[in-house]
Structures are given as structure tokens and as C-alpha cells.
Amino acid sequence: MVSSADLATLRIEDFAPHCDSVFEMQTAGGVVPLKLTQVSPAGASGRAGGAFSLLFVALAGPWLPQAIYPVKHPVLGVMEIFLVPVGPVPGGNGYHATFT
């Protein structure tokens, strides 16, 4: 079983090697595959490791509302991430997460 990740300890360096890999967003309707397409620094922060943002892309289709979703990755584990729909992006529906 994949363990749960502690969001407070995750850093941009944890996600950068997994750009272009697939994560699984758990929803009431089932699993939605998300491709991590962008990992970006997000300025100064009091957060250990600094602030950063992630952009995920799901296949085009119905939008899911902004909410906290369990997101699973085989290396990083399961993370409870607040995802915000950001509109159509190349390849489908974009979802953004910011760690501050």
C-alpha cells in the first residue's frame, strides 16, 4: 500500500522529477487520471522549502469543482490536495494546486 505524504514537508524538488507522469485523483465518480504538466516556483513563503505550484491536466470532459481531493502517485504516495479548475489547457481540463 502507498503511504500518505505529509504536505508540509513536500518541496518543489519532490514533484519536478515527476513532471509528465500520471497521478490518480480519487473522486466520488471514480478515478480521474491527471498528468502533471508544470511545476513552478511561486515566490517567497514562510513555508519550509518555499512556495510552488503544480498544473495537472485531465482529459477533456465535465469539470470537477474546486475541492480537496486525494491524489495518488506511486512514488509520492497519497496527498490530499486542494485542486482548482483553471479552464481548458492543451490536452484537456487544467487543475491547479498551490503550496504556500
N, C-alpha and C. Protein backbone atom coordinates (compact mmCIF):
# COMPACT_ATOMS: atom_id res chain seq x y z
N MET A 1 0.84 -1.18 0.00
CA MET A 1 0.00 0.00 0.00
C MET A 1 0.89 1.24 0.00
N VAL A 2 0.48 2.26 -0.74
CA VAL A 2 1.22 3.52 -0.82
C VAL A 2 0.87 4.35 0.40
N SER A 3 1.89 4.94 1.04
CA SER A 3 1.65 5.74 2.23
C SER A 3 1.16 7.13 1.88
N SER A 4 0.64 7.82 2.90
CA SER A 4 0.20 9.20 2.71
C SER A 4 1.38 10.14 2.88
N ALA A 5 1.45 11.14 2.03
CA ALA A 5 2.52 12.13 2.08
C ALA A 5 2.12 13.26 3.01
N ASP A 6 3.09 13.81 3.72
CA ASP A 6 2.88 14.97 4.58
C ASP A 6 3.06 16.22 3.73
N LEU A 7 1.98 16.93 3.43
CA LEU A 7 2.04 18.10 2.55
C LEU A 7 3.01 19.16 3.07
N ALA A 8 3.15 19.28 4.38
CA ALA A 8 4.01 20.30 4.95
C ALA A 8 5.49 20.06 4.62
N THR A 9 5.84 18.82 4.33
CA THR A 9 7.25 18.52 4.05
C THR A 9 7.56 18.42 2.56
N LEU A 10 6.54 18.43 1.70
CA LEU A 10 6.78 18.32 0.26
C LEU A 10 7.39 19.60 -0.28
N ARG A 11 8.34 19.43 -1.19
CA ARG A 11 9.06 20.56 -1.80
C ARG A 11 8.94 20.46 -3.31
N ILE A 12 9.26 21.56 -3.98
CA ILE A 12 9.22 21.57 -5.44
C ILE A 12 10.10 20.45 -6.02
N GLU A 13 11.19 20.17 -5.34
CA GLU A 13 12.12 19.12 -5.79
C GLU A 13 11.49 17.73 -5.75
N ASP A 14 10.46 17.56 -4.92
CA ASP A 14 9.77 16.27 -4.86
C ASP A 14 8.92 16.03 -6.10
N PHE A 15 8.36 17.12 -6.66
CA PHE A 15 7.47 17.00 -7.81
C PHE A 15 8.19 17.12 -9.16
N ALA A 16 9.24 17.92 -9.23
CA ALA A 16 9.91 18.19 -10.51
C ALA A 16 10.28 16.93 -11.28
N PRO A 17 10.83 15.88 -10.65
CA PRO A 17 11.18 14.69 -11.43
C PRO A 17 9.96 13.94 -11.99
N HIS A 18 8.77 14.29 -11.49
CA HIS A 18 7.56 13.58 -11.91
C HIS A 18 6.71 14.36 -12.90
N CYS A 19 7.28 15.45 -13.43
CA CYS A 19 6.59 16.20 -14.47
C CYS A 19 6.37 15.25 -15.65
N ASP A 20 5.22 15.28 -16.23
CA ASP A 20 4.78 14.41 -17.32
C ASP A 20 4.39 13.01 -16.86
N SER A 21 4.34 12.77 -15.56
CA SER A 21 3.85 11.47 -15.09
C SER A 21 2.38 11.59 -14.69
N VAL A 22 1.74 10.45 -14.52
CA VAL A 22 0.30 10.42 -14.25
C VAL A 22 0.05 10.18 -12.76
N PHE A 23 -0.84 11.00 -12.22
CA PHE A 23 -1.33 10.88 -10.85
C PHE A 23 -2.78 10.44 -10.95
N GLU A 24 -3.33 9.89 -9.87
CA GLU A 24 -4.74 9.46 -9.87
C GLU A 24 -5.52 10.28 -8.86
N MET A 25 -6.47 11.07 -9.36
CA MET A 25 -7.34 11.84 -8.48
C MET A 25 -8.55 10.97 -8.14
N GLN A 26 -8.79 10.80 -6.86
CA GLN A 26 -9.92 9.99 -6.39
C GLN A 26 -11.14 10.91 -6.25
N THR A 27 -12.22 10.57 -6.94
CA THR A 27 -13.45 11.36 -6.86
C THR A 27 -14.61 10.44 -6.51
N ALA A 28 -15.75 11.03 -6.19
CA ALA A 28 -16.94 10.24 -5.89
C ALA A 28 -17.34 9.39 -7.09
N GLY A 29 -17.03 9.87 -8.30
CA GLY A 29 -17.38 9.15 -9.52
C GLY A 29 -16.32 8.16 -9.99
N GLY A 30 -15.21 8.05 -9.27
CA GLY A 30 -14.15 7.13 -9.65
C GLY A 30 -12.81 7.85 -9.77
N VAL A 31 -11.86 7.16 -10.36
CA VAL A 31 -10.51 7.68 -10.50
C VAL A 31 -10.41 8.51 -11.78
N VAL A 32 -9.79 9.69 -11.66
CA VAL A 32 -9.54 10.56 -12.81
C VAL A 32 -8.03 10.69 -12.98
N PRO A 33 -7.48 10.20 -14.09
CA PRO A 33 -6.04 10.36 -14.31
C PRO A 33 -5.68 11.82 -14.55
N LEU A 34 -4.63 12.28 -13.89
CA LEU A 34 -4.12 13.64 -14.05
C LEU A 34 -2.67 13.57 -14.48
N LYS A 35 -2.32 14.28 -15.52
CA LYS A 35 -0.92 14.36 -15.93
C LYS A 35 -0.32 15.64 -15.36
N LEU A 36 0.77 15.53 -14.63
CA LEU A 36 1.46 16.70 -14.10
C LEU A 36 2.23 17.33 -15.25
N THR A 37 1.84 18.55 -15.64
CA THR A 37 2.46 19.17 -16.82
C THR A 37 3.37 20.34 -16.49
N GLN A 38 3.24 20.88 -15.27
CA GLN A 38 4.06 22.03 -14.94
C GLN A 38 4.31 22.07 -13.43
N VAL A 39 5.56 22.33 -13.07
CA VAL A 39 5.99 22.51 -11.68
C VAL A 39 6.74 23.83 -11.67
N SER A 40 6.22 24.83 -10.89
CA SER A 40 6.79 26.18 -10.94
C SER A 40 6.99 26.76 -9.54
N PRO A 41 8.10 27.48 -9.34
CA PRO A 41 8.25 28.20 -8.07
C PRO A 41 7.17 29.28 -7.99
N ALA A 42 6.74 29.60 -6.76
CA ALA A 42 5.66 30.58 -6.60
C ALA A 42 6.04 31.70 -5.63
N GLY A 43 7.30 32.09 -5.62
CA GLY A 43 7.71 33.23 -4.81
C GLY A 43 8.09 32.87 -3.39
N ALA A 44 8.32 33.91 -2.62
CA ALA A 44 8.75 33.75 -1.24
C ALA A 44 7.60 33.24 -0.38
N SER A 45 7.95 32.50 0.65
CA SER A 45 6.94 31.94 1.53
C SER A 45 7.58 31.63 2.87
N GLY A 46 6.77 31.63 3.91
CA GLY A 46 7.24 31.19 5.21
C GLY A 46 7.27 29.67 5.30
N ARG A 47 6.81 29.02 4.25
CA ARG A 47 6.76 27.56 4.20
C ARG A 47 8.16 27.00 4.02
N ALA A 48 8.51 26.00 4.80
CA ALA A 48 9.81 25.32 4.61
C ALA A 48 9.86 24.79 3.18
N GLY A 49 10.92 25.08 2.47
CA GLY A 49 11.03 24.63 1.09
C GLY A 49 10.47 25.61 0.09
N GLY A 50 9.83 26.68 0.57
CA GLY A 50 9.30 27.71 -0.32
C GLY A 50 7.96 27.34 -0.93
N ALA A 51 7.39 28.31 -1.63
CA ALA A 51 6.10 28.13 -2.28
C ALA A 51 6.30 27.62 -3.71
N PHE A 52 5.35 26.83 -4.19
CA PHE A 52 5.40 26.35 -5.57
C PHE A 52 3.99 26.00 -6.02
N SER A 53 3.84 25.86 -7.34
CA SER A 53 2.55 25.48 -7.89
C SER A 53 2.69 24.33 -8.86
N LEU A 54 1.59 23.63 -9.03
CA LEU A 54 1.53 22.48 -9.93
C LEU A 54 0.36 22.68 -10.88
N LEU A 55 0.54 22.27 -12.12
CA LEU A 55 -0.56 22.26 -13.09
C LEU A 55 -0.73 20.83 -13.56
N PHE A 56 -1.96 20.33 -13.39
CA PHE A 56 -2.32 18.99 -13.84
C PHE A 56 -3.30 19.13 -14.99
N VAL A 57 -3.32 18.13 -15.87
CA VAL A 57 -4.27 18.10 -16.97
C VAL A 57 -5.02 16.77 -16.95
N ALA A 58 -6.36 16.88 -16.95
CA ALA A 58 -7.23 15.71 -17.08
C ALA A 58 -7.80 15.74 -18.50
N LEU A 59 -8.27 14.60 -18.96
CA LEU A 59 -8.90 14.56 -20.27
C LEU A 59 -10.08 15.53 -20.30
N ALA A 60 -10.35 16.08 -21.46
CA ALA A 60 -11.49 16.99 -21.61
C ALA A 60 -12.77 16.25 -21.25
N GLY A 61 -13.66 16.96 -20.62
CA GLY A 61 -14.93 16.38 -20.20
C GLY A 61 -15.55 17.27 -19.15
N PRO A 62 -16.47 16.73 -18.37
CA PRO A 62 -17.10 17.54 -17.33
C PRO A 62 -16.06 18.02 -16.32
N TRP A 63 -16.23 19.27 -15.88
CA TRP A 63 -15.32 19.85 -14.90
C TRP A 63 -15.69 19.37 -13.51
N LEU A 64 -14.67 19.13 -12.71
CA LEU A 64 -14.90 18.84 -11.30
C LEU A 64 -14.75 20.14 -10.52
N PRO A 65 -15.52 20.33 -9.45
CA PRO A 65 -15.43 21.57 -8.70
C PRO A 65 -14.12 21.66 -7.91
N GLN A 66 -13.75 22.89 -7.56
CA GLN A 66 -12.58 23.02 -6.71
C GLN A 66 -12.89 22.36 -5.37
N ALA A 67 -11.92 21.61 -4.88
CA ALA A 67 -12.11 20.86 -3.64
C ALA A 67 -10.79 20.20 -3.27
N ILE A 68 -10.77 19.64 -2.09
CA ILE A 68 -9.63 18.82 -1.67
C ILE A 68 -9.90 17.40 -2.15
N TYR A 69 -8.96 16.87 -2.93
CA TYR A 69 -9.08 15.52 -3.48
C TYR A 69 -7.89 14.68 -3.06
N PRO A 70 -8.10 13.40 -2.75
CA PRO A 70 -6.96 12.51 -2.58
C PRO A 70 -6.34 12.29 -3.96
N VAL A 71 -5.05 12.51 -4.05
CA VAL A 71 -4.31 12.33 -5.30
C VAL A 71 -3.19 11.34 -5.02
N LYS A 72 -3.13 10.30 -5.83
CA LYS A 72 -2.20 9.20 -5.58
C LYS A 72 -1.11 9.16 -6.65
N HIS A 73 0.12 8.95 -6.20
CA HIS A 73 1.26 8.78 -7.10
C HIS A 73 2.08 7.61 -6.56
N PRO A 74 2.61 6.75 -7.45
CA PRO A 74 3.32 5.55 -6.97
C PRO A 74 4.58 5.85 -6.15
N VAL A 75 5.20 7.00 -6.34
CA VAL A 75 6.41 7.33 -5.59
C VAL A 75 6.09 8.27 -4.42
N LEU A 76 5.27 9.28 -4.66
CA LEU A 76 4.98 10.30 -3.65
C LEU A 76 3.91 9.88 -2.65
N GLY A 77 3.13 8.87 -2.97
CA GLY A 77 2.08 8.41 -2.08
C GLY A 77 0.76 9.12 -2.34
N VAL A 78 -0.09 9.12 -1.33
CA VAL A 78 -1.40 9.76 -1.42
C VAL A 78 -1.32 11.12 -0.74
N MET A 79 -1.80 12.14 -1.45
CA MET A 79 -1.79 13.50 -0.92
C MET A 79 -3.20 14.06 -1.01
N GLU A 80 -3.63 14.76 0.01
CA GLU A 80 -4.91 15.46 0.00
C GLU A 80 -4.61 16.87 -0.53
N ILE A 81 -4.90 17.12 -1.81
CA ILE A 81 -4.53 18.38 -2.46
C ILE A 81 -5.77 19.17 -2.84
N PHE A 82 -5.73 20.49 -2.54
CA PHE A 82 -6.79 21.40 -2.97
C PHE A 82 -6.53 21.72 -4.44
N LEU A 83 -7.42 21.26 -5.31
CA LEU A 83 -7.29 21.47 -6.76
C LEU A 83 -8.36 22.44 -7.24
N VAL A 84 -7.93 23.37 -8.09
CA VAL A 84 -8.81 24.40 -8.62
C VAL A 84 -8.85 24.26 -10.15
N PRO A 85 -10.04 24.12 -10.74
CA PRO A 85 -10.11 24.08 -12.20
C PRO A 85 -9.70 25.44 -12.76
N VAL A 86 -8.86 25.43 -13.81
CA VAL A 86 -8.35 26.68 -14.37
C VAL A 86 -8.75 26.89 -15.82
N GLY A 87 -9.59 26.04 -16.34
CA GLY A 87 -10.05 26.22 -17.71
C GLY A 87 -9.38 25.25 -18.66
N PRO A 88 -9.79 25.33 -19.92
CA PRO A 88 -9.20 24.45 -20.92
C PRO A 88 -7.71 24.77 -21.11
N VAL A 89 -6.92 23.73 -21.21
CA VAL A 89 -5.49 23.84 -21.50
C VAL A 89 -5.19 22.82 -22.59
N PRO A 90 -4.05 22.94 -23.26
CA PRO A 90 -3.74 21.93 -24.27
C PRO A 90 -3.80 20.52 -23.67
N GLY A 91 -4.61 19.69 -24.25
CA GLY A 91 -4.74 18.31 -23.80
C GLY A 91 -5.95 18.02 -22.94
N GLY A 92 -6.67 19.06 -22.50
CA GLY A 92 -7.85 18.78 -21.68
C GLY A 92 -8.20 19.87 -20.70
N ASN A 93 -8.63 19.43 -19.49
CA ASN A 93 -9.04 20.34 -18.42
C ASN A 93 -7.87 20.55 -17.47
N GLY A 94 -7.56 21.81 -17.17
CA GLY A 94 -6.46 22.12 -16.26
C GLY A 94 -6.93 22.24 -14.82
N TYR A 95 -6.10 21.75 -13.92
CA TYR A 95 -6.32 21.86 -12.48
C TYR A 95 -5.04 22.34 -11.83
N HIS A 96 -5.17 23.32 -10.95
CA HIS A 96 -4.00 23.99 -10.36
C HIS A 96 -3.96 23.72 -8.87
N ALA A 97 -2.76 23.54 -8.33
CA ALA A 97 -2.54 23.40 -6.90
C ALA A 97 -1.40 24.33 -6.51
N THR A 98 -1.55 25.04 -5.40
CA THR A 98 -0.50 25.91 -4.92
C THR A 98 -0.13 25.52 -3.51
N PHE A 99 1.16 25.39 -3.26
CA PHE A 99 1.69 25.08 -1.93
C PHE A 99 2.37 26.34 -1.41
N THR A 100 1.77 26.96 -0.36
CA THR A 100 2.34 28.20 0.19
C THR A 100 2.59 28.07 1.68
